[in-house]
Amino acid sequence: MCREKYAEQLIQEVDASGYYLDKKHEVTSTLLSEPVNPFLFSIWALLLSTMVLMGTDLAEPVRLPATNLLVYHNRSHATVRVKSKADWQKRRSEIMAGMQVVMGPLPGPEQRCPLAVNTEREEDCGSYIRRFITYSAEPNSRVPAWLLIPKEALAHHRKLPAILALHPTDMEFGHRVVVQSLRSNYPAYGRELAERGFVVLAPSYPLMANYQPDLKALGYQSGTMKAIWDNIRGLDLLESLPFVKKGRFGAIGHSLGGYNSIYTAVFDERITMVVSSCGFDSFLDYMNGDIRGWTSERYMPKLMEYRYRLGDIPFDFQELIGALAPRAVFISAPLGDANFKWSSVDEIAKAALQVYKLYRVPGKVLVEHPECGHEFPTQIRDRAYRLLKSELH
């Protein structure tokens, strides 16, 4: 339709009820929240028609379906099919942009200050050394972390694979729960990995236990993005160690640590395998649509804006798991998990497989459903450790 005819139609299609009848532009297909004076609304329509005549692009790209990962927006904002890995990278870029709409922007390279690692104390734990350290993730922000080093790395100058062990929610002990047996429901998987010959870094999550950074002063919109950046800098730290194999890392976590691992891996492809236990379901399915659990300052406050329009959230876990391709991901979704629905996880994996099939590695997505609650049982951990060894050695 020519611009002149469309502009005329804009004015004609305003009715007194407050509806705008054109469906081509998202902005004009919305029901207004308050009764509208027809005269004032006509003035708005006249302004809108003028913008059309001037060639103003009114339409933002619509939210692509989370369940169909093989489409993307081209330069004209049209939705087109993914036909190649290069096309998929365009969709992947949209996913990462959507994450940052909610989480806030990923810090730039100017924030990569010297790590300035400081060892606060060191303990002999038999087959490995446990160090409590801090490191500078960015100017004016030091991250507490546990660094577990198998003695064979120090004694024989061997390079070993390394893992980010990201902890579950714990306001008292924080990251200690992955290196010490402090909770009956939280296995110390960081310790178990060190005993199996991995170098392990277990950083603290922002606003938990002993780690209370001032997010606003540091310029963050969410604790989630601060955690992602701290983890990325943790990978920088691991790469700086002479006894660590560089460029290929694992990330493992339960609950909070499960989705923290996924988020970090989306932004940093040095993570070549993710293990997520009880870490997610679709935002549409979480707690039957009540996403308030995701919206505290330490997570993603901006998600609250989408509370009554979950379908508009600009990313979901189908896309995040797809964005990990072609890297390996092992997901444990217990049948009795009261936080995250295992059936939703299956649908997420099914959607992500579209991308893994594009890369011809569908076997890199593995899902287990142990018969337990919100737990990380022994048999699942053992399989995860074997997979990590296979991927990283």
Protein backbone atom coordinates (compact mmCIF):
# COMPACT_ATOMS: atom_id res chain seq x y z
CA MET A 1 0.00 0.00 0.00
CA CYS A 2 1.39 3.47 -0.84
CA ARG A 3 2.21 5.79 2.08
CA GLU A 4 -0.48 8.35 1.15
CA LYS A 5 -3.28 5.80 1.10
CA TYR A 6 -2.06 4.19 4.30
CA ALA A 7 -1.87 7.57 6.06
CA GLU A 8 -5.48 8.30 5.08
CA GLN A 9 -6.52 4.90 6.38
CA LEU A 10 -4.81 5.57 9.72
CA ILE A 11 -7.19 8.45 10.41
CA GLN A 12 -10.28 6.58 9.28
CA GLU A 13 -9.66 3.54 11.45
CA VAL A 14 -9.76 5.23 14.86
CA ASP A 15 -13.00 4.54 16.70
CA ALA A 16 -14.35 6.13 19.85
CA SER A 17 -13.83 3.03 22.00
CA GLY A 18 -10.11 3.53 22.14
CA TYR A 19 -9.15 0.79 19.67
CA TYR A 20 -6.90 1.36 16.74
CA LEU A 21 -7.84 -1.17 14.08
CA ASP A 22 -4.67 -1.47 12.01
CA LYS A 23 -2.81 -4.70 12.80
CA LYS A 24 0.34 -4.07 10.79
CA HIS A 25 2.08 -2.07 13.49
CA GLU A 26 2.35 -3.27 17.06
CA VAL A 27 1.97 0.22 18.49
CA THR A 28 -1.47 0.61 16.84
CA SER A 29 -2.96 -2.73 17.81
CA THR A 30 -2.97 -2.05 21.55
CA LEU A 31 -6.05 -1.35 23.63
CA LEU A 32 -5.58 1.94 25.43
CA SER A 33 -5.72 1.65 29.19
CA GLU A 34 -7.97 4.72 29.72
CA PRO A 35 -11.02 6.07 27.84
CA VAL A 36 -9.89 8.31 25.02
CA ASN A 37 -11.32 11.61 23.85
CA PRO A 38 -12.09 10.96 20.16
CA PHE A 39 -10.89 14.42 19.17
CA LEU A 40 -7.53 14.04 20.93
CA PHE A 41 -7.17 10.56 19.58
CA SER A 42 -7.79 11.90 16.07
CA ILE A 43 -4.96 14.37 16.59
CA TRP A 44 -2.72 11.47 17.60
CA ALA A 45 -3.77 9.58 14.48
CA LEU A 46 -3.00 12.65 12.34
CA LEU A 47 0.48 12.84 13.89
CA LEU A 48 0.92 9.12 13.27
CA SER A 49 -0.11 9.48 9.65
CA THR A 50 2.39 12.31 9.22
CA MET A 51 5.13 10.06 10.53
CA VAL A 52 4.13 7.44 7.99
CA LEU A 53 4.23 9.99 5.16
CA MET A 54 7.72 11.03 6.32
CA GLY A 55 8.86 7.42 6.20
CA THR A 56 9.25 6.92 9.95
CA ASP A 57 9.58 3.25 10.83
CA LEU A 58 7.00 2.66 13.56
CA ALA A 59 7.28 -1.07 13.89
CA GLU A 60 9.77 -2.65 16.25
CA PRO A 61 10.61 -6.25 15.38
CA VAL A 62 8.03 -8.54 16.95
CA ARG A 63 9.13 -11.04 19.57
CA LEU A 64 10.12 -14.20 17.69
CA PRO A 65 8.58 -17.46 18.94
CA ALA A 66 10.70 -19.09 21.61
CA THR A 67 9.64 -22.52 20.40
CA ASN A 68 10.75 -21.95 16.80
CA LEU A 69 14.45 -21.17 16.88
CA LEU A 70 14.95 -21.50 13.14
CA VAL A 71 13.68 -18.03 12.27
CA TYR A 72 15.32 -14.62 12.61
CA HIS A 73 14.80 -10.99 11.65
CA ASN A 74 16.53 -9.76 8.53
CA ARG A 75 17.62 -6.15 8.01
CA SER A 76 14.09 -5.17 7.06
CA HIS A 77 12.75 -6.67 10.31
CA ALA A 78 10.99 -9.38 8.33
CA THR A 79 10.86 -12.85 9.85
CA VAL A 80 12.77 -15.30 7.69
CA ARG A 81 13.88 -18.91 8.02
CA VAL A 82 17.28 -19.95 9.36
CA LYS A 83 18.96 -21.87 6.55
CA SER A 84 22.56 -21.94 7.77
CA LYS A 85 24.76 -21.59 10.82
CA ALA A 86 25.42 -17.99 9.78
CA ASP A 87 21.66 -17.30 9.84
CA TRP A 88 21.43 -18.91 13.28
CA GLN A 89 24.10 -16.56 14.60
CA LYS A 90 21.78 -13.68 13.71
CA ARG A 91 19.01 -15.20 15.80
CA ARG A 92 21.53 -15.90 18.55
CA SER A 93 22.51 -12.23 18.55
CA GLU A 94 18.84 -11.31 19.03
CA ILE A 95 18.63 -13.70 21.98
CA MET A 96 21.65 -12.12 23.64
CA ALA A 97 20.20 -8.66 23.03
CA GLY A 98 16.93 -9.79 24.62
CA MET A 99 18.79 -11.04 27.68
CA GLN A 100 20.41 -7.65 28.09
CA VAL A 101 17.07 -5.85 27.83
CA VAL A 102 16.11 -7.60 31.06
CA MET A 103 19.48 -8.13 32.75
CA GLY A 104 21.16 -4.90 31.72
CA PRO A 105 24.17 -4.61 29.41
CA LEU A 106 27.16 -6.91 29.62
CA PRO A 107 30.17 -4.85 30.77
CA GLY A 108 32.62 -3.91 28.04
CA PRO A 109 36.35 -4.58 27.79
CA GLU A 110 37.13 -1.39 29.69
CA GLN A 111 35.94 -3.18 32.84
CA ARG A 112 38.62 -5.89 32.49
CA CYS A 113 41.00 -4.54 35.06
CA PRO A 114 43.95 -6.59 36.42
CA LEU A 115 42.65 -9.54 38.42
CA ALA A 116 44.95 -8.81 41.37
CA VAL A 117 44.29 -12.21 42.95
CA ASN A 118 44.82 -12.32 46.69
CA THR A 119 44.98 -15.58 48.69
CA GLU A 120 43.35 -15.02 52.07
CA ARG A 121 44.02 -18.54 53.41
CA GLU A 122 44.98 -22.01 52.25
CA GLU A 123 44.05 -25.46 53.57
CA ASP A 124 45.34 -28.95 52.81
CA CYS A 125 42.36 -31.16 51.98
CA GLY A 126 44.21 -34.39 51.25
CA SER A 127 44.26 -34.82 47.47
CA TYR A 128 43.84 -31.10 46.79
CA ILE A 129 44.59 -27.65 48.17
CA ARG A 130 41.70 -25.32 48.98
CA ARG A 131 42.37 -21.60 48.80
CA PHE A 132 40.04 -18.80 49.78
CA ILE A 133 40.82 -15.97 47.38
CA THR A 134 39.47 -12.67 46.14
CA TYR A 135 39.89 -11.21 42.67
CA SER A 136 39.01 -7.95 40.95
CA ALA A 137 36.17 -8.45 38.53
CA GLU A 138 36.19 -4.74 37.67
CA PRO A 139 37.34 -1.50 39.29
CA ASN A 140 36.05 -1.21 42.86
CA SER A 141 34.67 -4.72 43.03
CA ARG A 142 36.42 -7.77 44.47
CA VAL A 143 34.83 -11.21 44.28
CA PRO A 144 35.33 -13.84 47.01
CA ALA A 145 35.91 -17.35 45.66
CA TRP A 146 37.17 -20.79 46.54
CA LEU A 147 39.95 -22.18 44.37
CA LEU A 148 40.50 -25.94 44.60
CA ILE A 149 43.74 -27.28 43.11
CA PRO A 150 44.54 -31.01 42.86
CA LYS A 151 48.01 -31.63 44.27
CA GLU A 152 49.08 -33.44 41.11
CA ALA A 153 48.83 -30.13 39.25
CA LEU A 154 51.28 -28.52 41.67
CA ALA A 155 53.62 -31.49 42.15
CA HIS A 156 53.96 -32.65 38.55
CA HIS A 157 53.39 -29.36 36.71
CA ARG A 158 50.47 -30.93 34.86
CA LYS A 159 47.77 -28.93 33.09
CA LEU A 160 44.33 -30.02 34.29
CA PRO A 161 40.79 -29.22 33.10
CA ALA A 162 38.98 -26.53 35.06
CA ILE A 163 35.40 -26.01 36.16
CA LEU A 164 33.27 -23.12 37.36
CA ALA A 165 31.25 -24.58 40.24
CA LEU A 166 28.34 -22.19 40.79
CA HIS A 167 26.42 -22.50 44.02
CA PRO A 168 22.71 -22.76 44.80
CA THR A 169 20.80 -20.20 46.83
CA ASP A 170 22.16 -20.01 50.37
CA MET A 171 22.05 -16.77 52.30
CA GLU A 172 24.15 -18.04 55.22
CA PHE A 173 27.00 -20.00 53.64
CA GLY A 174 26.84 -18.92 49.98
CA HIS A 175 29.55 -20.52 47.87
CA ARG A 176 30.89 -22.56 50.80
CA VAL A 177 28.17 -25.15 50.18
CA VAL A 178 29.87 -26.39 46.99
CA VAL A 179 33.24 -26.97 48.67
CA GLN A 180 32.12 -28.19 52.11
CA SER A 181 29.34 -30.48 53.31
CA LEU A 182 27.20 -27.90 55.10
CA ARG A 183 23.67 -28.72 53.90
CA SER A 184 22.10 -32.16 53.57
CA ASN A 185 20.27 -31.06 50.41
CA TYR A 186 23.30 -29.35 48.80
CA PRO A 187 26.07 -31.74 47.75
CA ALA A 188 29.59 -30.30 47.66
CA TYR A 189 30.08 -30.86 43.93
CA GLY A 190 33.04 -28.50 43.80
CA ARG A 191 34.88 -30.66 46.29
CA GLU A 192 33.89 -33.86 44.47
CA LEU A 193 35.24 -32.49 41.19
CA ALA A 194 38.55 -31.51 42.80
CA GLU A 195 38.84 -35.03 44.17
CA ARG A 196 38.41 -36.28 40.61
CA GLY A 197 41.26 -34.18 39.27
CA PHE A 198 39.62 -30.93 38.16
CA VAL A 199 40.75 -27.45 39.10
CA VAL A 200 37.64 -25.79 40.52
CA LEU A 201 36.72 -22.13 40.96
CA ALA A 202 33.62 -21.43 43.06
CA PRO A 203 32.86 -17.68 43.12
CA SER A 204 30.21 -16.19 45.36
CA TYR A 205 26.92 -14.95 43.93
CA PRO A 206 26.11 -11.25 44.44
CA LEU A 207 24.02 -10.29 47.46
CA MET A 208 24.40 -13.65 49.18
CA ALA A 209 26.26 -14.46 52.39
CA ASN A 210 29.64 -12.71 52.51
CA TYR A 211 29.37 -10.97 49.13
CA GLN A 212 27.36 -7.74 49.13
CA PRO A 213 28.42 -5.53 46.20
CA ASP A 214 26.64 -2.22 45.60
CA LEU A 215 25.05 -3.06 42.26
CA LYS A 216 23.74 0.42 41.54
CA ALA A 217 27.05 2.09 42.31
CA LEU A 218 28.76 -0.36 39.96
CA GLY A 219 26.24 0.39 37.20
CA TYR A 220 24.32 -2.91 37.18
CA GLN A 221 20.61 -3.32 36.58
CA SER A 222 20.51 -6.85 37.99
CA GLY A 223 22.41 -9.23 40.21
CA THR A 224 22.19 -11.70 37.34
CA MET A 225 24.41 -9.63 35.06
CA LYS A 226 26.86 -8.92 37.87
CA ALA A 227 27.14 -12.68 38.44
CA ILE A 228 27.69 -13.31 34.75
CA TRP A 229 30.51 -10.78 34.66
CA ASP A 230 32.09 -12.13 37.85
CA ASN A 231 32.01 -15.60 36.29
CA ILE A 232 33.54 -14.41 33.03
CA ARG A 233 36.34 -12.82 35.01
CA GLY A 234 36.63 -16.09 36.92
CA LEU A 235 37.34 -17.79 33.58
CA ASP A 236 40.02 -15.16 32.95
CA LEU A 237 41.50 -16.12 36.32
CA LEU A 238 41.52 -19.82 35.47
CA GLU A 239 43.18 -19.10 32.13
CA SER A 240 45.94 -17.22 33.96
CA LEU A 241 46.91 -20.26 36.03
CA PRO A 242 49.89 -22.25 34.69
CA PHE A 243 48.39 -25.61 35.69
CA VAL A 244 45.05 -25.13 33.88
CA LYS A 245 44.14 -26.23 30.37
CA LYS A 246 43.08 -23.07 28.55
CA GLY A 247 40.15 -22.35 26.28
CA ARG A 248 37.86 -25.23 27.32
CA PHE A 249 36.02 -25.02 30.62
CA GLY A 250 33.02 -26.61 32.25
CA ALA A 251 30.30 -24.93 34.29
CA ILE A 252 28.17 -26.80 36.78
CA GLY A 253 25.46 -25.71 39.18
CA HIS A 254 22.38 -26.71 41.11
CA SER A 255 19.25 -24.52 41.29
CA LEU A 256 20.58 -20.93 41.17
CA GLY A 257 23.90 -22.36 40.04
CA GLY A 258 22.10 -24.26 37.28
CA TYR A 259 20.75 -21.21 35.50
CA ASN A 260 23.75 -19.07 36.43
CA SER A 261 25.87 -21.62 34.51
CA ILE A 262 23.62 -21.35 31.45
CA TYR A 263 23.56 -17.54 31.44
CA THR A 264 27.34 -17.36 31.72
CA ALA A 265 27.90 -19.92 28.97
CA VAL A 266 25.66 -18.00 26.56
CA PHE A 267 27.94 -14.98 26.93
CA ASP A 268 31.26 -16.84 27.10
CA GLU A 269 31.95 -19.63 24.63
CA ARG A 270 35.05 -20.73 26.51
CA ILE A 271 32.57 -22.83 28.48
CA THR A 272 32.29 -25.94 26.33
CA MET A 273 30.01 -27.95 28.62
CA VAL A 274 27.22 -26.95 31.01
CA VAL A 275 25.70 -29.10 33.74
CA SER A 276 22.43 -27.71 35.08
CA SER A 277 20.57 -29.40 37.94
CA CYS A 278 17.08 -28.12 38.81
CA GLY A 279 17.96 -24.92 37.01
CA PHE A 280 14.99 -23.83 34.92
CA ASP A 281 11.74 -24.26 33.13
CA SER A 282 10.00 -21.85 30.77
CA PHE A 283 9.03 -18.48 32.26
CA LEU A 284 5.51 -19.28 31.06
CA ASP A 285 5.45 -22.42 33.19
CA TYR A 286 7.39 -21.27 36.26
CA MET A 287 5.14 -21.45 39.32
CA ASN A 288 2.13 -21.52 37.00
CA GLY A 289 2.95 -18.10 35.62
CA ASP A 290 3.97 -16.32 38.83
CA ILE A 291 7.47 -15.06 38.00
CA ARG A 292 7.96 -12.95 41.13
CA GLY A 293 10.61 -15.40 42.34
CA TRP A 294 12.84 -14.23 39.50
CA THR A 295 12.46 -10.51 40.18
CA SER A 296 14.42 -9.60 43.31
CA GLU A 297 17.43 -7.28 43.09
CA ARG A 298 19.86 -10.19 43.15
CA TYR A 299 18.13 -11.74 40.11
CA MET A 300 16.31 -9.71 37.43
CA PRO A 301 14.09 -6.90 38.79
CA LYS A 302 13.02 -5.81 35.31
CA LEU A 303 11.20 -9.10 34.78
CA MET A 304 8.46 -7.70 37.01
CA GLU A 305 7.47 -5.45 34.08
CA TYR A 306 6.45 -8.60 32.23
CA ARG A 307 4.45 -10.15 35.06
CA TYR A 308 1.15 -9.92 33.21
CA ARG A 309 2.55 -10.45 29.70
CA LEU A 310 4.92 -13.36 30.03
CA GLY A 311 4.92 -13.98 26.30
CA ASP A 312 6.67 -10.65 25.79
CA ILE A 313 9.73 -11.55 27.89
CA PRO A 314 12.46 -11.11 25.26
CA PHE A 315 14.17 -14.44 25.97
CA ASP A 316 13.32 -17.83 27.40
CA PHE A 317 15.20 -21.03 28.11
CA GLN A 318 14.40 -22.65 24.76
CA GLU A 319 16.53 -19.92 23.24
CA LEU A 320 19.22 -20.05 25.90
CA ILE A 321 19.76 -23.79 25.55
CA GLY A 322 19.74 -23.36 21.77
CA ALA A 323 22.32 -20.59 22.13
CA LEU A 324 24.71 -23.09 23.73
CA ALA A 325 24.92 -25.12 20.50
CA PRO A 326 27.04 -26.91 19.45
CA ARG A 327 28.43 -27.22 22.98
CA ALA A 328 27.41 -30.01 25.34
CA VAL A 329 24.68 -29.53 27.94
CA PHE A 330 23.55 -32.04 30.56
CA ILE A 331 20.27 -31.22 32.29
CA SER A 332 18.83 -32.88 35.38
CA ALA A 333 15.11 -32.18 35.81
CA PRO A 334 13.75 -34.31 38.65
CA LEU A 335 10.20 -35.64 38.41
CA GLY A 336 9.40 -34.27 41.86
CA ASP A 337 10.95 -30.81 41.56
CA ALA A 338 8.47 -28.31 43.02
CA ASN A 339 10.34 -25.31 41.58
CA PHE A 340 10.74 -26.26 37.93
CA LYS A 341 8.49 -28.53 35.87
CA TRP A 342 10.26 -31.46 34.23
CA SER A 343 7.70 -31.52 31.39
CA SER A 344 8.53 -27.90 30.58
CA VAL A 345 12.23 -28.81 30.49
CA ASP A 346 11.45 -31.54 27.94
CA GLU A 347 9.71 -29.01 25.70
CA ILE A 348 12.66 -26.65 26.05
CA ALA A 349 15.11 -29.38 25.07
CA LYS A 350 12.90 -30.31 22.12
CA ALA A 351 12.98 -26.72 20.85
CA ALA A 352 16.75 -26.41 21.40
CA LEU A 353 17.33 -29.59 19.41
CA GLN A 354 16.39 -27.66 16.27
CA VAL A 355 19.68 -25.80 16.57
CA TYR A 356 21.72 -28.82 17.63
CA LYS A 357 20.43 -30.65 14.56
CA LEU A 358 21.50 -27.70 12.44
CA TYR A 359 25.01 -28.29 13.81
CA ARG A 360 24.52 -32.07 13.39
CA VAL A 361 25.20 -32.76 17.08
CA PRO A 362 21.78 -33.62 18.58
CA GLY A 363 23.50 -35.97 21.02
CA LYS A 364 25.07 -32.99 22.80
CA VAL A 365 21.77 -32.24 24.57
CA LEU A 366 21.17 -34.73 27.37
CA VAL A 367 18.25 -34.67 29.82
CA GLU A 368 17.73 -36.90 32.86
CA HIS A 369 14.66 -37.16 35.11
CA PRO A 370 15.68 -38.63 38.46
CA GLU A 371 12.90 -39.66 40.83
CA CYS A 372 13.47 -37.07 43.54
CA GLY A 373 12.60 -33.53 44.49
CA HIS A 374 14.66 -30.36 44.07
CA GLU A 375 17.88 -32.29 44.48
CA PHE A 376 21.14 -33.19 42.74
CA PRO A 377 21.38 -36.94 43.46
CA THR A 378 24.56 -38.99 43.49
CA GLN A 379 23.93 -40.97 40.32
CA ILE A 380 23.24 -37.81 38.33
CA ARG A 381 26.36 -36.11 39.66
CA ASP A 382 28.47 -39.15 38.82
CA ARG A 383 27.22 -39.10 35.23
CA ALA A 384 27.84 -35.36 35.02
CA TYR A 385 31.43 -35.80 36.18
CA ARG A 386 32.06 -38.53 33.60
CA LEU A 387 30.66 -36.32 30.85
CA LEU A 388 32.79 -33.37 31.97
CA LYS A 389 35.88 -35.55 31.94
CA SER A 390 35.07 -36.74 28.41
CA GLU A 391 34.43 -33.22 27.12
CA LEU A 392 37.33 -31.41 28.78
CA HIS A 393 40.24 -33.88 28.90
